[in-house]
Amino acid sequence: MGLKTFLRKGDEVVVLSGKDKGKRGKIQRVYRSKGTVIVEGVNLVKKHARPTKDNPQGGVIEKAMPLPNAKVMLVCTGCGQPARIKRDRLPDGSLARICKKCGHNFD
C-alpha cells in the first residue's frame, strides 16, 4: 500500500526545511511506498565508491538521497511560487492537479 502523494517525476519543487531549505529542483524519482522523492541537486551526500568496471578510478562521488514528501512543496508553473494543490474533476471526468493560488492546471 503506497502513501498518497500528488508529486510526479519532472515536477519542480522547493525544499521547506533542513540543510537545503529554499533550494529548488526537479523530481528525478518518486518512491510512493516509502513516501519519499529524489530531487536533483538537493540532499547530496558523499559516497566512497570502490573501483568497478563502470568506474575504474573509484573515489568519492556525490549522490542525491531521498527526501520525505512532507519536506517539499510543488512550485506552480503558472504563478512561479510554491503552492498547495487540490484535485479537481475535469468536464471529461478525469482528475487534475490544480494550483490553489492561481488555478493553474498542472496536467
Foldseek 3Di string as FASTA:
>chain_A
DFADDPDDFQFKKAFCDDPRHGDIFTWHDADRRVQWTWGPPPQKDWDFFDQDPVRNVTGIDIDTDIDHRVRIFTQDPVVRHGFDWDWDADPVGDIFIAGPPPGDTPD
